[in-house]
Amino acid sequence: MDLNVSRALAGYAAARKNAPPIGEVPDKTTAPKALGAGESVDKTKDFGAVVGDMASEAVGTLRTAEAKSLEGVAGEADVQSVVEAVAAAEMTMRTVVAIRDKVVEAYHDILRMPI
């Protein structure tokens, strides 16, 4: 899937700010604040919304690659942009197939669980 690089970098920067410096042992005398009932760590999106956004981004990447390929066939796009779009579409499809395979595998594992 086409990952949003700026969001990934922002998340990495935020995690790095909260992490202790390398070699420093965190203070174990204070426990982290426990979450209350019904309280979640990130209240911005639920799992379904994240999956929906990823699916929408995947479809968008595939449509962009298809449009760029048609432009290339018509001679309206340069070869490099067509190759980049097709490579992004290929990576997106590999990611979608890998996620699908993991979901099916998890479903089969659940079916094999004893009751």
PDB file of N, CA and C in Angstrom:
ATOM      1  N   MET A   1       0.830  -1.169   0.000  1.00  0.00           N
ATOM      2  CA  MET A   1       0.000   0.000   0.000  1.00  0.00           C
ATOM      3  C   MET A   1       0.877   1.234   0.000  1.00  0.00           C
ATOM      4  N   ASP A   2       0.329   2.275  -0.512  1.00  0.00           N
ATOM      5  CA  ASP A   2       1.072   3.518  -0.577  1.00  0.00           C
ATOM      6  C   ASP A   2       1.046   4.158   0.806  1.00  0.00           C
ATOM      7  N   LEU A   3       2.178   4.132   1.494  1.00  0.00           N
ATOM      8  CA  LEU A   3       2.259   4.681   2.835  1.00  0.00           C
ATOM      9  C   LEU A   3       2.464   6.179   2.765  1.00  0.00           C
ATOM     10  N   ASN A   4       1.858   6.883   3.681  1.00  0.00           N
ATOM     11  CA  ASN A   4       2.038   8.321   3.746  1.00  0.00           C
ATOM     12  C   ASN A   4       3.344   8.574   4.488  1.00  0.00           C
ATOM     13  N   VAL A   5       4.361   8.992   3.765  1.00  0.00           N
ATOM     14  CA  VAL A   5       5.701   9.136   4.325  1.00  0.00           C
ATOM     15  C   VAL A   5       5.743  10.226   5.383  1.00  0.00           C
ATOM     16  N   SER A   6       5.037  11.318   5.155  1.00  0.00           N
ATOM     17  CA  SER A   6       5.084  12.408   6.136  1.00  0.00           C
ATOM     18  C   SER A   6       4.472  11.987   7.468  1.00  0.00           C
ATOM     19  N   ARG A   7       3.391  11.184   7.429  1.00  0.00           N
ATOM     20  CA  ARG A   7       2.802  10.703   8.683  1.00  0.00           C
ATOM     21  C   ARG A   7       3.748   9.734   9.380  1.00  0.00           C
ATOM     22  N   ALA A   8       4.424   8.896   8.602  1.00  0.00           N
ATOM     23  CA  ALA A   8       5.371   7.950   9.191  1.00  0.00           C
ATOM     24  C   ALA A   8       6.531   8.686   9.847  1.00  0.00           C
ATOM     25  N   LEU A   9       7.052   9.702   9.170  1.00  0.00           N
ATOM     26  CA  LEU A   9       8.148  10.475   9.750  1.00  0.00           C
ATOM     27  C   LEU A   9       7.705  11.230  10.996  1.00  0.00           C
ATOM     28  N   ALA A  10       6.489  11.778  10.977  1.00  0.00           N
ATOM     29  CA  ALA A  10       5.981  12.486  12.152  1.00  0.00           C
ATOM     30  C   ALA A  10       5.810  11.525  13.324  1.00  0.00           C
ATOM     31  N   GLY A  11       5.320  10.321  13.051  1.00  0.00           N
ATOM     32  CA  GLY A  11       5.172   9.324  14.105  1.00  0.00           C
ATOM     33  C   GLY A  11       6.511   8.888  14.666  1.00  0.00           C
ATOM     34  N   TYR A  12       7.491   8.716  13.790  1.00  0.00           N
ATOM     35  CA  TYR A  12       8.832   8.343  14.234  1.00  0.00           C
ATOM     36  C   TYR A  12       9.440   9.448  15.093  1.00  0.00           C
ATOM     37  N   ALA A  13       9.267  10.692  14.663  1.00  0.00           N
ATOM     38  CA  ALA A  13       9.821  11.814  15.428  1.00  0.00           C
ATOM     39  C   ALA A  13       9.172  11.900  16.805  1.00  0.00           C
ATOM     40  N   ALA A  14       7.854  11.677  16.872  1.00  0.00           N
ATOM     41  CA  ALA A  14       7.166  11.718  18.165  1.00  0.00           C
ATOM     42  C   ALA A  14       7.636  10.582  19.064  1.00  0.00           C
ATOM     43  N   ALA A  15       7.825   9.397  18.496  1.00  0.00           N
ATOM     44  CA  ALA A  15       8.293   8.263  19.294  1.00  0.00           C
ATOM     45  C   ALA A  15       9.717   8.493  19.774  1.00  0.00           C
ATOM     46  N   ARG A  16      10.527   9.102  18.939  1.00  0.00           N
ATOM     47  CA  ARG A  16      11.915   9.363  19.310  1.00  0.00           C
ATOM     48  C   ARG A  16      11.992  10.383  20.443  1.00  0.00           C
ATOM     49  N   LYS A  17      11.100  11.381  20.448  1.00  0.00           N
ATOM     50  CA  LYS A  17      11.099  12.383  21.524  1.00  0.00           C
ATOM     51  C   LYS A  17      10.756  11.749  22.865  1.00  0.00           C
ATOM     52  N   ASN A  18       9.855  10.763  22.846  1.00  0.00           N
ATOM     53  CA  ASN A  18       9.410  10.132  24.087  1.00  0.00           C
ATOM     54  C   ASN A  18      10.346   9.023  24.556  1.00  0.00           C
ATOM     55  N   ALA A  19      11.235   8.566  23.701  1.00  0.00           N
ATOM     56  CA  ALA A  19      12.137   7.470  24.063  1.00  0.00           C
ATOM     57  C   ALA A  19      13.324   8.009  24.849  1.00  0.00           C
ATOM     58  N   PRO A  20      13.820   7.208  25.805  1.00  0.00           N
ATOM     59  CA  PRO A  20      15.016   7.643  26.532  1.00  0.00           C
ATOM     60  C   PRO A  20      16.226   7.591  25.609  1.00  0.00           C
ATOM     61  N   PRO A  21      17.228   8.399  25.871  1.00  0.00           N
ATOM     62  CA  PRO A  21      18.434   8.360  25.040  1.00  0.00           C
ATOM     63  C   PRO A  21      19.087   6.985  25.097  1.00  0.00           C
ATOM     64  N   ILE A  22      19.816   6.651  24.044  1.00  0.00           N
ATOM     65  CA  ILE A  22      20.483   5.351  23.976  1.00  0.00           C
ATOM     66  C   ILE A  22      21.503   5.258  25.103  1.00  0.00           C
ATOM     67  N   GLY A  23      21.497   4.146  25.809  1.00  0.00           N
ATOM     68  CA  GLY A  23      22.422   3.937  26.906  1.00  0.00           C
ATOM     69  C   GLY A  23      21.860   4.369  28.250  1.00  0.00           C
ATOM     70  N   GLU A  24      20.803   5.146  28.255  1.00  0.00           N
ATOM     71  CA  GLU A  24      20.205   5.604  29.507  1.00  0.00           C
ATOM     72  C   GLU A  24      19.140   4.603  29.935  1.00  0.00           C
ATOM     73  N   VAL A  25      19.171   4.225  31.190  1.00  0.00           N
ATOM     74  CA  VAL A  25      18.191   3.295  31.729  1.00  0.00           C
ATOM     75  C   VAL A  25      17.001   4.105  32.237  1.00  0.00           C
ATOM     76  N   PRO A  26      15.783   3.772  31.789  1.00  0.00           N
ATOM     77  CA  PRO A  26      14.629   4.528  32.264  1.00  0.00           C
ATOM     78  C   PRO A  26      14.400   4.316  33.758  1.00  0.00           C
ATOM     79  N   ASP A  27      13.794   5.301  34.388  1.00  0.00           N
ATOM     80  CA  ASP A  27      13.502   5.254  35.816  1.00  0.00           C
ATOM     81  C   ASP A  27      12.402   4.233  36.065  1.00  0.00           C
ATOM     82  N   LYS A  28      12.722   3.183  36.815  1.00  0.00           N
ATOM     83  CA  LYS A  28      11.749   2.124  37.064  1.00  0.00           C
ATOM     84  C   LYS A  28      10.959   2.352  38.352  1.00  0.00           C
ATOM     85  N   THR A  29      11.190   3.467  39.027  1.00  0.00           N
ATOM     86  CA  THR A  29      10.483   3.710  40.278  1.00  0.00           C
ATOM     87  C   THR A  29       9.079   4.242  40.039  1.00  0.00           C
ATOM     88  N   THR A  30       8.832   4.819  38.886  1.00  0.00           N
ATOM     89  CA  THR A  30       7.493   5.336  38.606  1.00  0.00           C
ATOM     90  C   THR A  30       6.855   4.478  37.527  1.00  0.00           C
ATOM     91  N   ALA A  31       5.672   4.007  37.800  1.00  0.00           N
ATOM     92  CA  ALA A  31       4.947   3.179  36.841  1.00  0.00           C
ATOM     93  C   ALA A  31       4.187   4.078  35.872  1.00  0.00           C
ATOM     94  N   PRO A  32       4.003   3.629  34.646  1.00  0.00           N
ATOM     95  CA  PRO A  32       3.210   4.427  33.713  1.00  0.00           C
ATOM     96  C   PRO A  32       1.758   4.471  34.152  1.00  0.00           C
ATOM     97  N   LYS A  33       1.077   5.542  33.771  1.00  0.00           N
ATOM     98  CA  LYS A  33      -0.332   5.708  34.135  1.00  0.00           C
ATOM     99  C   LYS A  33      -1.158   4.627  33.440  1.00  0.00           C
ATOM    100  N   ALA A  34      -1.969   3.928  34.208  1.00  0.00           N
ATOM    101  CA  ALA A  34      -2.826   2.893  33.648  1.00  0.00           C
ATOM    102  C   ALA A  34      -4.039   3.535  32.990  1.00  0.00           C
ATOM    103  N   LEU A  35      -4.528   2.888  31.947  1.00  0.00           N
ATOM    104  CA  LEU A  35      -5.717   3.385  31.270  1.00  0.00           C
ATOM    105  C   LEU A  35      -6.952   2.965  32.041  1.00  0.00           C
ATOM    106  N   GLY A  36      -7.915   3.840  32.097  1.00  0.00           N
ATOM    107  CA  GLY A  36      -9.175   3.529  32.744  1.00  0.00           C
ATOM    108  C   GLY A  36     -10.062   2.699  31.833  1.00  0.00           C
ATOM    109  N   ALA A  37     -11.193   2.262  32.349  1.00  0.00           N
ATOM    110  CA  ALA A  37     -12.116   1.460  31.558  1.00  0.00           C
ATOM    111  C   ALA A  37     -12.652   2.286  30.394  1.00  0.00           C
ATOM    112  N   GLY A  38     -12.588   1.728  29.216  1.00  0.00           N
ATOM    113  CA  GLY A  38     -13.090   2.413  28.032  1.00  0.00           C
ATOM    114  C   GLY A  38     -12.156   3.474  27.487  1.00  0.00           C
ATOM    115  N   GLU A  39     -10.990   3.639  28.094  1.00  0.00           N
ATOM    116  CA  GLU A  39     -10.033   4.650  27.657  1.00  0.00           C
ATOM    117  C   GLU A  39      -9.050   3.998  26.694  1.00  0.00           C
ATOM    118  N   SER A  40      -8.759   4.667  25.591  1.00  0.00           N
ATOM    119  CA  SER A  40      -7.819   4.106  24.628  1.00  0.00           C
ATOM    120  C   SER A  40      -6.616   5.016  24.483  1.00  0.00           C
ATOM    121  N   VAL A  41      -5.542   4.461  23.969  1.00  0.00           N
ATOM    122  CA  VAL A  41      -4.310   5.221  23.809  1.00  0.00           C
ATOM    123  C   VAL A  41      -4.474   6.278  22.729  1.00  0.00           C
ATOM    124  N   ASP A  42      -4.985   5.899  21.571  1.00  0.00           N
ATOM    125  CA  ASP A  42      -5.154   6.821  20.457  1.00  0.00           C
ATOM    126  C   ASP A  42      -6.631   6.913  20.122  1.00  0.00           C
ATOM    127  N   LYS A  43      -7.207   8.064  20.335  1.00  0.00           N
ATOM    128  CA  LYS A  43      -8.642   8.227  20.140  1.00  0.00           C
ATOM    129  C   LYS A  43      -8.975   8.800  18.766  1.00  0.00           C
ATOM    130  N   THR A  44      -7.999   8.889  17.873  1.00  0.00           N
ATOM    131  CA  THR A  44      -8.259   9.525  16.592  1.00  0.00           C
ATOM    132  C   THR A  44      -8.971   8.611  15.609  1.00  0.00           C
ATOM    133  N   LYS A  45      -8.568   7.355  15.492  1.00  0.00           N
ATOM    134  CA  LYS A  45      -9.175   6.444  14.529  1.00  0.00           C
ATOM    135  C   LYS A  45      -9.341   5.061  15.138  1.00  0.00           C
ATOM    136  N   ASP A  46     -10.398   4.386  14.747  1.00  0.00           N
ATOM    137  CA  ASP A  46     -10.550   3.007  15.157  1.00  0.00           C
ATOM    138  C   ASP A  46      -9.966   2.099  14.070  1.00  0.00           C
ATOM    139  N   PHE A  47      -9.909   0.828  14.342  1.00  0.00           N
ATOM    140  CA  PHE A  47      -9.270  -0.124  13.433  1.00  0.00           C
ATOM    141  C   PHE A  47      -9.963  -0.154  12.074  1.00  0.00           C
ATOM    142  N   GLY A  48     -11.274  -0.132  12.075  1.00  0.00           N
ATOM    143  CA  GLY A  48     -12.021  -0.168  10.818  1.00  0.00           C
ATOM    144  C   GLY A  48     -11.717   1.022   9.931  1.00  0.00           C
ATOM    145  N   ALA A  49     -11.567   2.191  10.545  1.00  0.00           N
ATOM    146  CA  ALA A  49     -11.249   3.392   9.765  1.00  0.00           C
ATOM    147  C   ALA A  49      -9.852   3.302   9.167  1.00  0.00           C
ATOM    148  N   VAL A  50      -8.915   2.759   9.929  1.00  0.00           N
ATOM    149  CA  VAL A  50      -7.547   2.608   9.421  1.00  0.00           C
ATOM    150  C   VAL A  50      -7.529   1.646   8.242  1.00  0.00           C
ATOM    151  N   VAL A  51      -8.218   0.511   8.370  1.00  0.00           N
ATOM    152  CA  VAL A  51      -8.266  -0.466   7.282  1.00  0.00           C
ATOM    153  C   VAL A  51      -8.960   0.137   6.066  1.00  0.00           C
ATOM    154  N   GLY A  52     -10.031   0.876   6.288  1.00  0.00           N
ATOM    155  CA  GLY A  52     -10.731   1.529   5.182  1.00  0.00           C
ATOM    156  C   GLY A  52      -9.858   2.537   4.464  1.00  0.00           C
ATOM    157  N   ASP A  53      -9.100   3.322   5.229  1.00  0.00           N
ATOM    158  CA  ASP A  53      -8.184   4.296   4.620  1.00  0.00           C
ATOM    159  C   ASP A  53      -7.102   3.600   3.803  1.00  0.00           C
ATOM    160  N   MET A  54      -6.571   2.513   4.345  1.00  0.00           N
ATOM    161  CA  MET A  54      -5.531   1.781   3.619  1.00  0.00           C
ATOM    162  C   MET A  54      -6.083   1.185   2.328  1.00  0.00           C
ATOM    163  N   ALA A  55      -7.304   0.671   2.375  1.00  0.00           N
ATOM    164  CA  ALA A  55      -7.916   0.115   1.166  1.00  0.00           C
ATOM    165  C   ALA A  55      -8.157   1.209   0.133  1.00  0.00           C
ATOM    166  N   SER A  56      -8.607   2.365   0.586  1.00  0.00           N
ATOM    167  CA  SER A  56      -8.824   3.486  -0.335  1.00  0.00           C
ATOM    168  C   SER A  56      -7.517   3.938  -0.973  1.00  0.00           C
ATOM    169  N   GLU A  57      -6.454   4.004  -0.180  1.00  0.00           N
ATOM    170  CA  GLU A  57      -5.144   4.381  -0.718  1.00  0.00           C
ATOM    171  C   GLU A  57      -4.654   3.346  -1.727  1.00  0.00           C
ATOM    172  N   ALA A  58      -4.903   2.064  -1.460  1.00  0.00           N
ATOM    173  CA  ALA A  58      -4.481   1.012  -2.389  1.00  0.00           C
ATOM    174  C   ALA A  58      -5.214   1.145  -3.717  1.00  0.00           C
ATOM    175  N   VAL A  59      -6.508   1.354  -3.653  1.00  0.00           N
ATOM    176  CA  VAL A  59      -7.288   1.522  -4.880  1.00  0.00           C
ATOM    177  C   VAL A  59      -6.821   2.761  -5.639  1.00  0.00           C
ATOM    178  N   GLY A  60      -6.548   3.833  -4.918  1.00  0.00           N
ATOM    179  CA  GLY A  60      -6.052   5.049  -5.558  1.00  0.00           C
ATOM    180  C   GLY A  60      -4.721   4.835  -6.254  1.00  0.00           C
ATOM    181  N   THR A  61      -3.827   4.092  -5.613  1.00  0.00           N
ATOM    182  CA  THR A  61      -2.523   3.798  -6.213  1.00  0.00           C
ATOM    183  C   THR A  61      -2.682   2.971  -7.480  1.00  0.00           C
ATOM    184  N   LEU A  62      -3.561   1.983  -7.436  1.00  0.00           N
ATOM    185  CA  LEU A  62      -3.775   1.140  -8.612  1.00  0.00           C
ATOM    186  C   LEU A  62      -4.402   1.932  -9.754  1.00  0.00           C
ATOM    187  N   ARG A  63      -5.350   2.794  -9.435  1.00  0.00           N
ATOM    188  CA  ARG A  63      -5.975   3.621 -10.480  1.00  0.00           C
ATOM    189  C   ARG A  63      -4.974   4.608 -11.079  1.00  0.00           C
ATOM    190  N   THR A  64      -4.125   5.174 -10.244  1.00  0.00           N
ATOM    191  CA  THR A  64      -3.103   6.095 -10.739  1.00  0.00           C
ATOM    192  C   THR A  64      -2.144   5.373 -11.680  1.00  0.00           C
ATOM    193  N   ALA A  65      -1.736   4.171 -11.305  1.00  0.00           N
ATOM    194  CA  ALA A  65      -0.825   3.399 -12.152  1.00  0.00           C
ATOM    195  C   ALA A  65      -1.478   3.038 -13.478  1.00  0.00           C
ATOM    196  N   GLU A  66      -2.751   2.681 -13.421  1.00  0.00           N
ATOM    197  CA  GLU A  66      -3.455   2.342 -14.655  1.00  0.00           C
ATOM    198  C   GLU A  66      -3.567   3.562 -15.569  1.00  0.00           C
ATOM    199  N   ALA A  67      -3.901   4.704 -14.995  1.00  0.00           N
ATOM    200  CA  ALA A  67      -4.004   5.930 -15.792  1.00  0.00           C
ATOM    201  C   ALA A  67      -2.651   6.317 -16.378  1.00  0.00           C
ATOM    202  N   LYS A  68      -1.604   6.191 -15.568  1.00  0.00           N
ATOM    203  CA  LYS A  68      -0.257   6.530 -16.048  1.00  0.00           C
ATOM    204  C   LYS A  68       0.174   5.565 -17.152  1.00  0.00           C
ATOM    205  N   SER A  69      -0.200   4.295 -17.040  1.00  0.00           N
ATOM    206  CA  SER A  69       0.123   3.326 -18.090  1.00  0.00           C
ATOM    207  C   SER A  69      -0.573   3.686 -19.396  1.00  0.00           C
ATOM    208  N   LEU A  70      -1.832   4.079 -19.305  1.00  0.00           N
ATOM    209  CA  LEU A  70      -2.562   4.485 -20.508  1.00  0.00           C
ATOM    210  C   LEU A  70      -1.947   5.737 -21.128  1.00  0.00           C
ATOM    211  N   GLU A  71      -1.499   6.664 -20.284  1.00  0.00           N
ATOM    212  CA  GLU A  71      -0.815   7.854 -20.798  1.00  0.00           C
ATOM    213  C   GLU A  71       0.485   7.463 -21.494  1.00  0.00           C
ATOM    214  N   GLY A  72       1.189   6.495 -20.935  1.00  0.00           N
ATOM    215  CA  GLY A  72       2.430   6.029 -21.544  1.00  0.00           C
ATOM    216  C   GLY A  72       2.197   5.378 -22.893  1.00  0.00           C
ATOM    217  N   VAL A  73       1.137   4.579 -22.999  1.00  0.00           N
ATOM    218  CA  VAL A  73       0.807   3.939 -24.270  1.00  0.00           C
ATOM    219  C   VAL A  73       0.444   4.994 -25.316  1.00  0.00           C
ATOM    220  N   ALA A  74      -0.240   6.045 -24.874  1.00  0.00           N
ATOM    221  CA  ALA A  74      -0.636   7.118 -25.793  1.00  0.00           C
ATOM    222  C   ALA A  74       0.523   8.058 -26.108  1.00  0.00           C
ATOM    223  N   GLY A  75       1.652   7.889 -25.416  1.00  0.00           N
ATOM    224  CA  GLY A  75       2.810   8.742 -25.654  1.00  0.00           C
ATOM    225  C   GLY A  75       2.754  10.070 -24.929  1.00  0.00           C
ATOM    226  N   GLU A  76       1.883  10.186 -23.928  1.00  0.00           N
ATOM    227  CA  GLU A  76       1.719  11.439 -23.189  1.00  0.00           C
ATOM    228  C   GLU A  76       2.535  11.482 -21.902  1.00  0.00           C
ATOM    229  N   ALA A  77       3.110  10.351 -21.500  1.00  0.00           N
ATOM    230  CA  ALA A  77       3.883  10.300 -20.252  1.00  0.00           C
ATOM    231  C   ALA A  77       5.264   9.732 -20.542  1.00  0.00           C
ATOM    232  N   ASP A  78       6.239  10.187 -19.766  1.00  0.00           N
ATOM    233  CA  ASP A  78       7.594   9.668 -19.958  1.00  0.00           C
ATOM    234  C   ASP A  78       7.713   8.271 -19.346  1.00  0.00           C
ATOM    235  N   VAL A  79       8.705   7.539 -19.788  1.00  0.00           N
ATOM    236  CA  VAL A  79       8.873   6.144 -19.385  1.00  0.00           C
ATOM    237  C   VAL A  79       9.126   6.024 -17.888  1.00  0.00           C
ATOM    238  N   GLN A  80       9.899   6.929 -17.326  1.00  0.00           N
ATOM    239  CA  GLN A  80      10.237   6.840 -15.908  1.00  0.00           C
ATOM    240  C   GLN A  80       8.995   6.951 -15.029  1.00  0.00           C
ATOM    241  N   SER A  81       8.104   7.886 -15.334  1.00  0.00           N
ATOM    242  CA  SER A  81       6.901   8.036 -14.506  1.00  0.00           C
ATOM    243  C   SER A  81       5.989   6.826 -14.638  1.00  0.00           C
ATOM    244  N   VAL A  82       5.944   6.223 -15.829  1.00  0.00           N
ATOM    245  CA  VAL A  82       5.140   5.011 -16.011  1.00  0.00           C
ATOM    246  C   VAL A  82       5.726   3.867 -15.190  1.00  0.00           C
ATOM    247  N   VAL A  83       7.038   3.709 -15.240  1.00  0.00           N
ATOM    248  CA  VAL A  83       7.695   2.637 -14.482  1.00  0.00           C
ATOM    249  C   VAL A  83       7.506   2.847 -12.986  1.00  0.00           C
ATOM    250  N   GLU A  84       7.627   4.085 -12.517  1.00  0.00           N
ATOM    251  CA  GLU A  84       7.427   4.369 -11.089  1.00  0.00           C
ATOM    252  C   GLU A  84       6.001   4.048 -10.662  1.00  0.00           C
ATOM    253  N   ALA A  85       5.017   4.425 -11.485  1.00  0.00           N
ATOM    254  CA  ALA A  85       3.620   4.156 -11.145  1.00  0.00           C
ATOM    255  C   ALA A  85       3.334   2.661 -11.130  1.00  0.00           C
ATOM    256  N   VAL A  86       3.866   1.942 -12.104  1.00  0.00           N
ATOM    257  CA  VAL A  86       3.648   0.493 -12.158  1.00  0.00           C
ATOM    258  C   VAL A  86       4.352  -0.201 -10.994  1.00  0.00           C
ATOM    259  N   ALA A  87       5.543   0.258 -10.627  1.00  0.00           N
ATOM    260  CA  ALA A  87       6.254  -0.324  -9.482  1.00  0.00           C
ATOM    261  C   ALA A  87       5.485  -0.077  -8.188  1.00  0.00           C
ATOM    262  N   ALA A  88       4.915   1.120  -8.043  1.00  0.00           N
ATOM    263  CA  ALA A  88       4.108   1.411  -6.853  1.00  0.00           C
ATOM    264  C   ALA A  88       2.872   0.524  -6.815  1.00  0.00           C
ATOM    265  N   ALA A  89       2.255   0.306  -7.975  1.00  0.00           N
ATOM    266  CA  ALA A  89       1.080  -0.566  -8.032  1.00  0.00           C
ATOM    267  C   ALA A  89       1.451  -2.006  -7.699  1.00  0.00           C
ATOM    268  N   GLU A  90       2.603  -2.450  -8.188  1.00  0.00           N
ATOM    269  CA  GLU A  90       3.049  -3.813  -7.890  1.00  0.00           C
ATOM    270  C   GLU A  90       3.299  -3.991  -6.392  1.00  0.00           C
ATOM    271  N   MET A  91       3.949  -3.007  -5.776  1.00  0.00           N
ATOM    272  CA  MET A  91       4.208  -3.072  -4.336  1.00  0.00           C
ATOM    273  C   MET A  91       2.890  -3.052  -3.555  1.00  0.00           C
ATOM    274  N   THR A  92       1.955  -2.249  -4.015  1.00  0.00           N
ATOM    275  CA  THR A  92       0.644  -2.182  -3.364  1.00  0.00           C
ATOM    276  C   THR A  92      -0.056  -3.530  -3.441  1.00  0.00           C
ATOM    277  N   MET A  93      -0.041  -4.149  -4.614  1.00  0.00           N
ATOM    278  CA  MET A  93      -0.698  -5.445  -4.759  1.00  0.00           C
ATOM    279  C   MET A  93      -0.025  -6.509  -3.902  1.00  0.00           C
ATOM    280  N   ARG A  94       1.294  -6.498  -3.835  1.00  0.00           N
ATOM    281  CA  ARG A  94       1.994  -7.470  -2.986  1.00  0.00           C
ATOM    282  C   ARG A  94       1.619  -7.276  -1.518  1.00  0.00           C
ATOM    283  N   THR A  95       1.504  -6.030  -1.093  1.00  0.00           N
ATOM    284  CA  THR A  95       1.131  -5.746   0.293  1.00  0.00           C
ATOM    285  C   THR A  95      -0.294  -6.196   0.575  1.00  0.00           C
ATOM    286  N   VAL A  96      -1.211  -5.890  -0.341  1.00  0.00           N
ATOM    287  CA  VAL A  96      -2.612  -6.286  -0.162  1.00  0.00           C
ATOM    288  C   VAL A  96      -2.728  -7.806  -0.107  1.00  0.00           C
ATOM    289  N   VAL A  97      -2.032  -8.498  -0.979  1.00  0.00           N
ATOM    290  CA  VAL A  97      -2.083  -9.963  -0.990  1.00  0.00           C
ATOM    291  C   VAL A  97      -1.480 -10.531   0.292  1.00  0.00           C
ATOM    292  N   ALA A  98      -0.397  -9.946   0.774  1.00  0.00           N
ATOM    293  CA  ALA A  98       0.217 -10.420   2.020  1.00  0.00           C
ATOM    294  C   ALA A  98      -0.725 -10.224   3.203  1.00  0.00           C
ATOM    295  N   ILE A  99      -1.390  -9.077   3.257  1.00  0.00           N
ATOM    296  CA  ILE A  99      -2.343  -8.827   4.345  1.00  0.00           C
ATOM    297  C   ILE A  99      -3.513  -9.791   4.247  1.00  0.00           C
ATOM    298  N   ARG A 100      -4.021 -10.000   3.025  1.00  0.00           N
ATOM    299  CA  ARG A 100      -5.118 -10.946   2.840  1.00  0.00           C
ATOM    300  C   ARG A 100      -4.717 -12.336   3.307  1.00  0.00           C
ATOM    301  N   ASP A 101      -3.508 -12.775   2.949  1.00  0.00           N
ATOM    302  CA  ASP A 101      -3.040 -14.096   3.358  1.00  0.00           C
ATOM    303  C   ASP A 101      -2.952 -14.212   4.878  1.00  0.00           C
ATOM    304  N   LYS A 102      -2.492 -13.163   5.541  1.00  0.00           N
ATOM    305  CA  LYS A 102      -2.401 -13.182   7.009  1.00  0.00           C
ATOM    306  C   LYS A 102      -3.788 -13.228   7.641  1.00  0.00           C
ATOM    307  N   VAL A 103      -4.738 -12.509   7.068  1.00  0.00           N
ATOM    308  CA  VAL A 103      -6.106 -12.526   7.601  1.00  0.00           C
ATOM    309  C   VAL A 103      -6.712 -13.913   7.442  1.00  0.00           C
ATOM    310  N   VAL A 104      -6.528 -14.524   6.280  1.00  0.00           N
ATOM    311  CA  VAL A 104      -7.054 -15.872   6.056  1.00  0.00           C
ATOM    312  C   VAL A 104      -6.380 -16.869   6.992  1.00  0.00           C
ATOM    313  N   GLU A 105      -5.073 -16.734   7.172  1.00  0.00           N
ATOM    314  CA  GLU A 105      -4.345 -17.616   8.085  1.00  0.00           C
ATOM    315  C   GLU A 105      -4.856 -17.461   9.523  1.00  0.00           C
ATOM    316  N   ALA A 106      -5.092 -16.232   9.951  1.00  0.00           N
ATOM    317  CA  ALA A 106      -5.620 -16.001  11.301  1.00  0.00           C
ATOM    318  C   ALA A 106      -7.018 -16.587  11.442  1.00  0.00           C
ATOM    319  N   TYR A 107      -7.833 -16.460  10.409  1.00  0.00           N
ATOM    320  CA  TYR A 107      -9.182 -17.023  10.429  1.00  0.00           C
ATOM    321  C   TYR A 107      -9.118 -18.543  10.564  1.00  0.00           C
ATOM    322  N   HIS A 108      -8.228 -19.177   9.826  1.00  0.00           N
ATOM    323  CA  HIS A 108      -8.080 -20.631   9.928  1.00  0.00           C
ATOM    324  C   HIS A 108      -7.569 -21.035  11.312  1.00  0.00           C
ATOM    325  N   ASP A 109      -6.683 -20.248  11.887  1.00  0.00           N
ATOM    326  CA  ASP A 109      -6.205 -20.534  13.243  1.00  0.00           C
ATOM    327  C   ASP A 109      -7.347 -20.455  14.247  1.00  0.00           C
ATOM    328  N   ILE A 110      -8.215 -19.482  14.073  1.00  0.00           N
ATOM    329  CA  ILE A 110      -9.370 -19.351  14.972  1.00  0.00           C
ATOM    330  C   ILE A 110     -10.295 -20.549  14.813  1.00  0.00           C
ATOM    331  N   LEU A 111     -10.506 -20.993  13.577  1.00  0.00           N
ATOM    332  CA  LEU A 111     -11.374 -22.151  13.351  1.00  0.00           C
ATOM    333  C   LEU A 111     -10.803 -23.425  13.965  1.00  0.00           C
ATOM    334  N   ARG A 112      -9.483 -23.537  14.034  1.00  0.00           N
ATOM    335  CA  ARG A 112      -8.848 -24.734  14.597  1.00  0.00           C
ATOM    336  C   ARG A 112      -8.789 -24.721  16.122  1.00  0.00           C
ATOM    337  N   MET A 113      -9.114 -23.613  16.740  1.00  0.00           N
ATOM    338  CA  MET A 113      -9.044 -23.536  18.207  1.00  0.00           C
ATOM    339  C   MET A 113     -10.095 -24.443  18.837  1.00  0.00           C
ATOM    340  N   PRO A 114      -9.703 -25.136  19.904  1.00  0.00           N
ATOM    341  CA  PRO A 114     -10.697 -25.966  20.603  1.00  0.00           C
ATOM    342  C   PRO A 114     -11.687 -25.086  21.365  1.00  0.00           C
ATOM    343  N   ILE A 115     -12.873 -25.587  21.467  1.00  0.00           N
ATOM    344  CA  ILE A 115     -13.923 -24.826  22.166  1.00  0.00           C
ATOM    345  C   ILE A 115     -13.964 -25.214  23.618  1.00  0.00           C
TER     346      ILE A 115
END
